Amino acid sequence: MAATPDPPSPLPRSLRAITALVREGTVDVVVSDLDGVVRLFPPGLWAELDADLGIEDPHEGAAAGGAAPGSAAGGPSFSAILGHPLLPEVVRGRATHDRWRREAVRALEERGAAPERAAATVDRWAAIPGRAEPVVVRRLLALRDAGTPVLVLTNGTDRVPEEVAAIGLTALIGEHREWLLNSADLGAAKPEPEAFARAHALIRERTGLPVPPSRVALVDDSPGHVEAARRFGWQALVHPGDAASG
């Protein structure tokens, strides 16, 4: 007996709303965030990394904000990697992904991890490129195919181009990265006003459209970034909203 195929994933409300804006003629350019919208990571990754470290979680029993021990909010792996103070420099192009990894290993060693375990943890994290969210990617490419420029704006590192290529997103960002707006290239990161100003200038340059901010729509999973985009003048929607087919 043939297996029953999985039903198609529902389209998030944010993407339905963006599509409606385009069809109504109130938007000329669509901009999508990368992580949390187009690219997703395993939800249990940080807990798995912490389990392999062999060190005590200082938040055990009292995780920040009530989070479970070993969760992203309180675990040593997350704190040493995504919580590292060098990261803001990396996503602004002032330090490299390679240096960030080295510093993360050092931070884990300072927390008590054996050097080989610290290095293996960071290597394992760095080797996971995430996965593309096919429903979102298909809708964004469909909008572009129908004539609306679609770009990706990310607080990313110098390694983003190879990461997105590894998960099949070349069509979305362009063969020559012409549709990628990476903070490491911009020299500014969301939610800074300068990040949106520089991104907007590149949107006008790459699309050839004298588009005003009010005719650009962003979908982003960070409410803070959405609010910053609105202050700049873009239309912006929080992803995902609820999910519904359409």
C-alpha atoms as a PDB file:
ATOM      1  CA  MET A   1       0.000   0.000   0.000  1.00  0.00           C
ATOM      2  CA  ALA A   2       1.444   3.342  -1.058  1.00  0.00           C
ATOM      3  CA  ALA A   3       2.252   5.802   1.689  1.00  0.00           C
ATOM      4  CA  THR A   4      -0.092   8.739   1.979  1.00  0.00           C
ATOM      5  CA  PRO A   5       1.776  11.938   1.160  1.00  0.00           C
ATOM      6  CA  ASP A   6       1.967  14.599   3.836  1.00  0.00           C
ATOM      7  CA  PRO A   7      -0.556  17.388   3.352  1.00  0.00           C
ATOM      8  CA  PRO A   8       0.909  20.687   2.175  1.00  0.00           C
ATOM      9  CA  SER A   9       2.096  22.912   4.998  1.00  0.00           C
ATOM     10  CA  PRO A  10      -0.189  25.881   5.658  1.00  0.00           C
ATOM     11  CA  LEU A  11       0.972  29.303   4.596  1.00  0.00           C
ATOM     12  CA  PRO A  12       1.675  31.575   7.570  1.00  0.00           C
ATOM     13  CA  ARG A  13      -0.494  34.635   7.991  1.00  0.00           C
ATOM     14  CA  SER A  14       2.501  36.919   7.444  1.00  0.00           C
ATOM     15  CA  LEU A  15       3.025  35.529   3.940  1.00  0.00           C
ATOM     16  CA  ARG A  16      -0.668  35.726   3.131  1.00  0.00           C
ATOM     17  CA  ALA A  17      -0.664  39.349   4.240  1.00  0.00           C
ATOM     18  CA  ILE A  18       2.407  40.183   2.144  1.00  0.00           C
ATOM     19  CA  THR A  19       0.792  38.522  -0.867  1.00  0.00           C
ATOM     20  CA  ALA A  20      -2.355  40.563  -0.343  1.00  0.00           C
ATOM     21  CA  LEU A  21      -0.370  43.807  -0.198  1.00  0.00           C
ATOM     22  CA  VAL A  22       1.309  42.952  -3.486  1.00  0.00           C
ATOM     23  CA  ARG A  23      -1.982  42.060  -5.168  1.00  0.00           C
ATOM     24  CA  GLU A  24      -3.582  45.273  -3.889  1.00  0.00           C
ATOM     25  CA  GLY A  25      -0.766  47.246  -5.492  1.00  0.00           C
ATOM     26  CA  THR A  26       0.392  48.858  -2.243  1.00  0.00           C
ATOM     27  CA  VAL A  27       3.844  47.221  -2.250  1.00  0.00           C
ATOM     28  CA  ASP A  28       6.546  47.311  -4.936  1.00  0.00           C
ATOM     29  CA  VAL A  29       9.308  45.344  -3.176  1.00  0.00           C
ATOM     30  CA  VAL A  30       9.203  42.486  -0.656  1.00  0.00           C
ATOM     31  CA  VAL A  31      12.010  41.897   1.841  1.00  0.00           C
ATOM     32  CA  SER A  32      12.273  38.742   3.949  1.00  0.00           C
ATOM     33  CA  ASP A  33      14.346  37.966   6.982  1.00  0.00           C
ATOM     34  CA  LEU A  34      16.482  34.815   6.712  1.00  0.00           C
ATOM     35  CA  ASP A  35      16.624  32.960  10.029  1.00  0.00           C
ATOM     36  CA  GLY A  36      13.263  32.133  11.504  1.00  0.00           C
ATOM     37  CA  VAL A  37      11.489  32.836   8.222  1.00  0.00           C
ATOM     38  CA  VAL A  38      13.337  31.264   5.293  1.00  0.00           C
ATOM     39  CA  ARG A  39      15.881  29.199   7.218  1.00  0.00           C
ATOM     40  CA  LEU A  40      15.055  27.070  10.262  1.00  0.00           C
ATOM     41  CA  PHE A  41      17.220  25.160  12.726  1.00  0.00           C
ATOM     42  CA  PRO A  42      16.524  22.026  14.807  1.00  0.00           C
ATOM     43  CA  PRO A  43      14.590  23.139  17.911  1.00  0.00           C
ATOM     44  CA  GLY A  44      16.465  20.783  20.246  1.00  0.00           C
ATOM     45  CA  LEU A  45      19.936  21.638  19.010  1.00  0.00           C
ATOM     46  CA  TRP A  46      21.128  23.697  21.977  1.00  0.00           C
ATOM     47  CA  ALA A  47      20.032  21.125  24.544  1.00  0.00           C
ATOM     48  CA  GLU A  48      21.851  18.417  22.569  1.00  0.00           C
ATOM     49  CA  LEU A  49      25.021  20.483  22.421  1.00  0.00           C
ATOM     50  CA  ASP A  50      24.852  21.161  26.161  1.00  0.00           C
ATOM     51  CA  ALA A  51      24.385  17.457  26.880  1.00  0.00           C
ATOM     52  CA  ASP A  52      27.592  16.631  25.013  1.00  0.00           C
ATOM     53  CA  LEU A  53      29.666  19.261  26.797  1.00  0.00           C
ATOM     54  CA  GLY A  54      29.988  17.489  30.114  1.00  0.00           C
ATOM     55  CA  ILE A  55      29.822  20.660  32.205  1.00  0.00           C
ATOM     56  CA  GLU A  56      27.246  21.848  34.693  1.00  0.00           C
ATOM     57  CA  ASP A  57      24.664  24.312  33.420  1.00  0.00           C
ATOM     58  CA  PRO A  58      24.847  27.301  35.800  1.00  0.00           C
ATOM     59  CA  HIS A  59      21.151  27.932  35.123  1.00  0.00           C
ATOM     60  CA  GLU A  60      20.118  24.410  36.168  1.00  0.00           C
ATOM     61  CA  GLY A  61      16.920  24.702  38.148  1.00  0.00           C
ATOM     62  CA  ALA A  62      16.734  28.457  37.657  1.00  0.00           C
ATOM     63  CA  ALA A  63      16.893  29.076  33.938  1.00  0.00           C
ATOM     64  CA  ALA A  64      16.534  32.657  32.802  1.00  0.00           C
ATOM     65  CA  GLY A  65      12.967  33.767  32.363  1.00  0.00           C
ATOM     66  CA  GLY A  66      11.647  30.415  33.540  1.00  0.00           C
ATOM     67  CA  ALA A  67      13.141  28.568  30.592  1.00  0.00           C
ATOM     68  CA  ALA A  68      13.883  24.894  30.899  1.00  0.00           C
ATOM     69  CA  PRO A  69      17.430  23.921  31.853  1.00  0.00           C
ATOM     70  CA  GLY A  70      19.638  23.522  28.804  1.00  0.00           C
ATOM     71  CA  SER A  71      17.321  25.637  26.679  1.00  0.00           C
ATOM     72  CA  ALA A  72      18.463  28.415  24.402  1.00  0.00           C
ATOM     73  CA  ALA A  73      17.722  30.967  27.107  1.00  0.00           C
ATOM     74  CA  GLY A  74      20.097  29.552  29.684  1.00  0.00           C
ATOM     75  CA  GLY A  75      22.387  26.871  28.308  1.00  0.00           C
ATOM     76  CA  PRO A  76      26.171  27.220  28.134  1.00  0.00           C
ATOM     77  CA  SER A  77      26.381  26.431  24.410  1.00  0.00           C
ATOM     78  CA  PHE A  78      23.939  29.141  23.440  1.00  0.00           C
ATOM     79  CA  SER A  79      25.591  31.633  25.798  1.00  0.00           C
ATOM     80  CA  ALA A  80      29.069  30.903  24.467  1.00  0.00           C
ATOM     81  CA  ILE A  81      28.039  31.051  20.805  1.00  0.00           C
ATOM     82  CA  LEU A  82      25.025  33.256  20.123  1.00  0.00           C
ATOM     83  CA  GLY A  83      25.498  35.105  23.389  1.00  0.00           C
ATOM     84  CA  HIS A  84      29.165  35.869  22.753  1.00  0.00           C
ATOM     85  CA  PRO A  85      30.023  39.592  22.919  1.00  0.00           C
ATOM     86  CA  LEU A  86      31.929  39.323  19.639  1.00  0.00           C
ATOM     87  CA  LEU A  87      28.775  38.467  17.679  1.00  0.00           C
ATOM     88  CA  PRO A  88      27.627  42.092  17.224  1.00  0.00           C
ATOM     89  CA  GLU A  89      30.975  42.809  15.597  1.00  0.00           C
ATOM     90  CA  VAL A  90      30.686  39.739  13.365  1.00  0.00           C
ATOM     91  CA  VAL A  91      27.260  40.660  11.995  1.00  0.00           C
ATOM     92  CA  ARG A  92      28.518  44.166  11.220  1.00  0.00           C
ATOM     93  CA  GLY A  93      31.448  42.860   9.214  1.00  0.00           C
ATOM     94  CA  ARG A  94      34.077  43.870  11.758  1.00  0.00           C
ATOM     95  CA  ALA A  95      35.072  40.308  12.699  1.00  0.00           C
ATOM     96  CA  THR A  96      34.915  36.981  10.905  1.00  0.00           C
ATOM     97  CA  HIS A  97      32.890  33.836  11.485  1.00  0.00           C
ATOM     98  CA  ASP A  98      36.158  31.953  11.927  1.00  0.00           C
ATOM     99  CA  ARG A  99      37.292  34.227  14.751  1.00  0.00           C
ATOM    100  CA  TRP A 100      33.845  33.980  16.373  1.00  0.00           C
ATOM    101  CA  ARG A 101      34.117  30.181  16.443  1.00  0.00           C
ATOM    102  CA  ARG A 102      37.547  30.340  18.054  1.00  0.00           C
ATOM    103  CA  GLU A 103      36.294  32.749  20.704  1.00  0.00           C
ATOM    104  CA  ALA A 104      33.276  30.534  21.368  1.00  0.00           C
ATOM    105  CA  VAL A 105      35.564  27.554  22.004  1.00  0.00           C
ATOM    106  CA  ARG A 106      37.568  29.654  24.439  1.00  0.00           C
ATOM    107  CA  ALA A 107      34.380  30.734  26.214  1.00  0.00           C
ATOM    108  CA  LEU A 108      33.273  27.131  26.670  1.00  0.00           C
ATOM    109  CA  GLU A 109      36.691  26.192  28.042  1.00  0.00           C
ATOM    110  CA  GLU A 110      36.406  29.052  30.528  1.00  0.00           C
ATOM    111  CA  ARG A 111      33.090  27.541  31.664  1.00  0.00           C
ATOM    112  CA  GLY A 112      34.854  24.285  32.410  1.00  0.00           C
ATOM    113  CA  ALA A 113      34.529  22.285  29.185  1.00  0.00           C
ATOM    114  CA  ALA A 114      37.452  20.123  28.143  1.00  0.00           C
ATOM    115  CA  PRO A 115      39.221  21.695  25.137  1.00  0.00           C
ATOM    116  CA  GLU A 116      38.375  18.817  22.794  1.00  0.00           C
ATOM    117  CA  ARG A 117      34.704  18.871  23.825  1.00  0.00           C
ATOM    118  CA  ALA A 118      34.500  22.620  23.489  1.00  0.00           C
ATOM    119  CA  ALA A 119      35.963  22.463  19.987  1.00  0.00           C
ATOM    120  CA  ALA A 120      33.696  19.559  18.993  1.00  0.00           C
ATOM    121  CA  THR A 121      30.613  21.415  20.232  1.00  0.00           C
ATOM    122  CA  VAL A 122      31.375  24.529  18.221  1.00  0.00           C
ATOM    123  CA  ASP A 123      32.308  22.465  15.170  1.00  0.00           C
ATOM    124  CA  ARG A 124      29.053  20.537  15.385  1.00  0.00           C
ATOM    125  CA  TRP A 125      27.039  23.752  15.658  1.00  0.00           C
ATOM    126  CA  ALA A 126      28.899  25.351  12.744  1.00  0.00           C
ATOM    127  CA  ALA A 127      28.364  22.293  10.554  1.00  0.00           C
ATOM    128  CA  ILE A 128      24.568  22.532  10.780  1.00  0.00           C
ATOM    129  CA  PRO A 129      23.403  24.831   7.967  1.00  0.00           C
ATOM    130  CA  GLY A 130      19.749  24.630   8.962  1.00  0.00           C
ATOM    131  CA  ARG A 131      17.046  23.885   6.424  1.00  0.00           C
ATOM    132  CA  ALA A 132      15.003  25.932   4.016  1.00  0.00           C
ATOM    133  CA  GLU A 133      11.324  26.436   4.807  1.00  0.00           C
ATOM    134  CA  PRO A 134       9.841  25.291   1.473  1.00  0.00           C
ATOM    135  CA  VAL A 135       6.397  26.879   1.849  1.00  0.00           C
ATOM    136  CA  VAL A 136       7.917  30.295   2.474  1.00  0.00           C
ATOM    137  CA  VAL A 137      10.544  29.938  -0.258  1.00  0.00           C
ATOM    138  CA  ARG A 138       7.960  28.895  -2.838  1.00  0.00           C
ATOM    139  CA  ARG A 139       5.736  31.855  -2.055  1.00  0.00           C
ATOM    140  CA  LEU A 140       8.614  34.345  -2.182  1.00  0.00           C
ATOM    141  CA  LEU A 141       9.832  32.969  -5.509  1.00  0.00           C
ATOM    142  CA  ALA A 142       6.274  33.028  -6.860  1.00  0.00           C
ATOM    143  CA  LEU A 143       5.981  36.705  -5.969  1.00  0.00           C
ATOM    144  CA  ARG A 144       9.265  37.395  -7.753  1.00  0.00           C
ATOM    145  CA  ASP A 145       8.230  35.372 -10.796  1.00  0.00           C
ATOM    146  CA  ALA A 146       5.042  37.442 -10.945  1.00  0.00           C
ATOM    147  CA  GLY A 147       7.097  40.636 -11.165  1.00  0.00           C
ATOM    148  CA  THR A 148       7.714  41.798  -7.590  1.00  0.00           C
ATOM    149  CA  PRO A 149      11.374  42.066  -6.543  1.00  0.00           C
ATOM    150  CA  VAL A 150      12.073  39.935  -3.473  1.00  0.00           C
ATOM    151  CA  LEU A 151      15.216  40.351  -1.372  1.00  0.00           C
ATOM    152  CA  VAL A 152      16.544  38.779   1.827  1.00  0.00           C
ATOM    153  CA  LEU A 153      17.786  41.022   4.645  1.00  0.00           C
ATOM    154  CA  THR A 154      19.687  39.227   7.396  1.00  0.00           C
ATOM    155  CA  ASN A 155      21.842  39.998  10.377  1.00  0.00           C
ATOM    156  CA  GLY A 156      24.442  37.640   9.013  1.00  0.00           C
ATOM    157  CA  THR A 157      28.136  36.848   8.923  1.00  0.00           C
ATOM    158  CA  ASP A 158      30.712  36.571   6.183  1.00  0.00           C
ATOM    159  CA  ARG A 159      29.727  32.888   5.904  1.00  0.00           C
ATOM    160  CA  VAL A 160      26.061  33.453   4.974  1.00  0.00           C
ATOM    161  CA  PRO A 161      26.507  33.039   1.183  1.00  0.00           C
ATOM    162  CA  GLU A 162      27.957  29.545   1.494  1.00  0.00           C
ATOM    163  CA  GLU A 163      25.430  28.584   4.184  1.00  0.00           C
ATOM    164  CA  VAL A 164      22.400  29.504   2.105  1.00  0.00           C
ATOM    165  CA  ALA A 165      23.862  27.844  -0.975  1.00  0.00           C
ATOM    166  CA  ALA A 166      24.273  24.639   1.052  1.00  0.00           C
ATOM    167  CA  ILE A 167      20.527  24.463   1.724  1.00  0.00           C
ATOM    168  CA  GLY A 168      19.418  25.241  -1.804  1.00  0.00           C
ATOM    169  CA  LEU A 169      18.612  28.940  -1.531  1.00  0.00           C
ATOM    170  CA  THR A 170      20.695  30.151  -4.457  1.00  0.00           C
ATOM    171  CA  ALA A 171      17.572  30.878  -6.500  1.00  0.00           C
ATOM    172  CA  LEU A 172      16.261  33.094  -3.729  1.00  0.00           C
ATOM    173  CA  ILE A 173      19.431  35.115  -3.108  1.00  0.00           C
ATOM    174  CA  GLY A 174      20.595  35.093  -6.741  1.00  0.00           C
ATOM    175  CA  GLU A 175      23.536  33.516  -8.515  1.00  0.00           C
ATOM    176  CA  HIS A 176      25.600  36.617  -7.769  1.00  0.00           C
ATOM    177  CA  ARG A 177      23.955  37.340  -4.401  1.00  0.00           C
ATOM    178  CA  GLU A 178      22.137  40.243  -5.978  1.00  0.00           C
ATOM    179  CA  TRP A 179      19.050  39.635  -3.822  1.00  0.00           C
ATOM    180  CA  LEU A 180      20.966  39.226  -0.544  1.00  0.00           C
ATOM    181  CA  LEU A 181      21.262  42.137   1.883  1.00  0.00           C
ATOM    182  CA  ASN A 182      23.702  40.911   4.526  1.00  0.00           C
ATOM    183  CA  SER A 183      24.484  43.059   7.557  1.00  0.00           C
ATOM    184  CA  ALA A 184      28.104  41.923   7.405  1.00  0.00           C
ATOM    185  CA  ASP A 185      28.284  43.686   4.028  1.00  0.00           C
ATOM    186  CA  LEU A 186      26.117  46.634   5.058  1.00  0.00           C
ATOM    187  CA  GLY A 187      28.227  47.405   8.133  1.00  0.00           C
ATOM    188  CA  ALA A 188      25.067  47.883  10.191  1.00  0.00           C
ATOM    189  CA  ALA A 189      22.536  45.465  11.642  1.00  0.00           C
ATOM    190  CA  LYS A 190      18.836  45.415  12.405  1.00  0.00           C
ATOM    191  CA  PRO A 191      17.294  47.170  14.312  1.00  0.00           C
ATOM    192  CA  GLU A 192      19.672  50.083  13.684  1.00  0.00           C
ATOM    193  CA  PRO A 193      18.152  52.783  11.442  1.00  0.00           C
ATOM    194  CA  GLU A 194      21.345  52.793   9.388  1.00  0.00           C
ATOM    195  CA  ALA A 195      20.833  49.124   8.495  1.00  0.00           C
ATOM    196  CA  PHE A 196      17.470  49.915   6.914  1.00  0.00           C
ATOM    197  CA  ALA A 197      18.807  53.045   5.225  1.00  0.00           C
ATOM    198  CA  ARG A 198      21.693  51.166   3.636  1.00  0.00           C
ATOM    199  CA  ALA A 199      19.463  48.239   2.701  1.00  0.00           C
ATOM    200  CA  HIS A 200      16.958  50.596   1.103  1.00  0.00           C
ATOM    201  CA  ALA A 201      19.652  52.283  -0.954  1.00  0.00           C
ATOM    202  CA  LEU A 202      20.765  48.881  -2.248  1.00  0.00           C
ATOM    203  CA  ILE A 203      17.171  47.905  -3.007  1.00  0.00           C
ATOM    204  CA  ARG A 204      16.813  50.946  -5.237  1.00  0.00           C
ATOM    205  CA  GLU A 205      20.174  50.261  -6.873  1.00  0.00           C
ATOM    206  CA  ARG A 206      19.600  46.563  -7.522  1.00  0.00           C
ATOM    207  CA  THR A 207      15.992  46.790  -8.646  1.00  0.00           C
ATOM    208  CA  GLY A 208      16.391  50.001 -10.619  1.00  0.00           C
ATOM    209  CA  LEU A 209      13.205  51.275  -8.994  1.00  0.00           C
ATOM    210  CA  PRO A 210      12.989  54.693  -7.278  1.00  0.00           C
ATOM    211  CA  VAL A 211      10.912  53.015  -4.612  1.00  0.00           C
ATOM    212  CA  PRO A 212      10.013  55.051  -1.501  1.00  0.00           C
ATOM    213  CA  PRO A 213      10.194  53.337   1.895  1.00  0.00           C
ATOM    214  CA  SER A 214       6.406  53.122   2.125  1.00  0.00           C
ATOM    215  CA  ARG A 215       6.346  50.802  -0.896  1.00  0.00           C
ATOM    216  CA  VAL A 216       8.650  48.205   0.693  1.00  0.00           C
ATOM    217  CA  ALA A 217       7.268  45.416   2.907  1.00  0.00           C
ATOM    218  CA  LEU A 218       9.361  43.349   5.325  1.00  0.00           C
ATOM    219  CA  VAL A 219       8.486  40.032   6.953  1.00  0.00           C
ATOM    220  CA  ASP A 220      10.652  39.268  10.007  1.00  0.00           C
ATOM    221  CA  ASP A 221      10.313  37.010  13.031  1.00  0.00           C
ATOM    222  CA  SER A 222      11.641  39.683  15.415  1.00  0.00           C
ATOM    223  CA  PRO A 223       8.987  42.134  16.699  1.00  0.00           C
ATOM    224  CA  GLY A 224      11.783  44.572  17.496  1.00  0.00           C
ATOM    225  CA  HIS A 225      13.072  44.486  13.932  1.00  0.00           C
ATOM    226  CA  VAL A 226       9.534  44.899  12.608  1.00  0.00           C
ATOM    227  CA  GLU A 227       9.007  47.978  14.752  1.00  0.00           C
ATOM    228  CA  ALA A 228      12.353  49.420  13.640  1.00  0.00           C
ATOM    229  CA  ALA A 229      11.456  48.842   9.993  1.00  0.00           C
ATOM    230  CA  ARG A 230       8.155  50.648  10.495  1.00  0.00           C
ATOM    231  CA  ARG A 231       9.931  53.596  12.098  1.00  0.00           C
ATOM    232  CA  PHE A 232      12.154  53.767   9.029  1.00  0.00           C
ATOM    233  CA  GLY A 233       9.057  53.892   6.844  1.00  0.00           C
ATOM    234  CA  TRP A 234       8.726  50.358   5.529  1.00  0.00           C
ATOM    235  CA  GLN A 235       5.607  48.320   5.929  1.00  0.00           C
ATOM    236  CA  ALA A 236       6.471  45.334   8.108  1.00  0.00           C
ATOM    237  CA  LEU A 237       4.843  42.185   9.457  1.00  0.00           C
ATOM    238  CA  VAL A 238       5.841  39.786  12.218  1.00  0.00           C
ATOM    239  CA  HIS A 239       6.362  36.186  11.087  1.00  0.00           C
ATOM    240  CA  PRO A 240       4.743  33.762  11.340  1.00  0.00           C
ATOM    241  CA  GLY A 241       1.507  35.027  12.825  1.00  0.00           C
ATOM    242  CA  ASP A 242      -0.936  32.147  12.862  1.00  0.00           C
ATOM    243  CA  ALA A 243      -0.849  29.595  10.054  1.00  0.00           C
ATOM    244  CA  ALA A 244      -3.720  29.155   7.663  1.00  0.00           C
ATOM    245  CA  SER A 245      -3.927  27.760   4.185  1.00  0.00           C
ATOM    246  CA  GLY A 246      -4.131  30.131   1.259  1.00  0.00           C
END
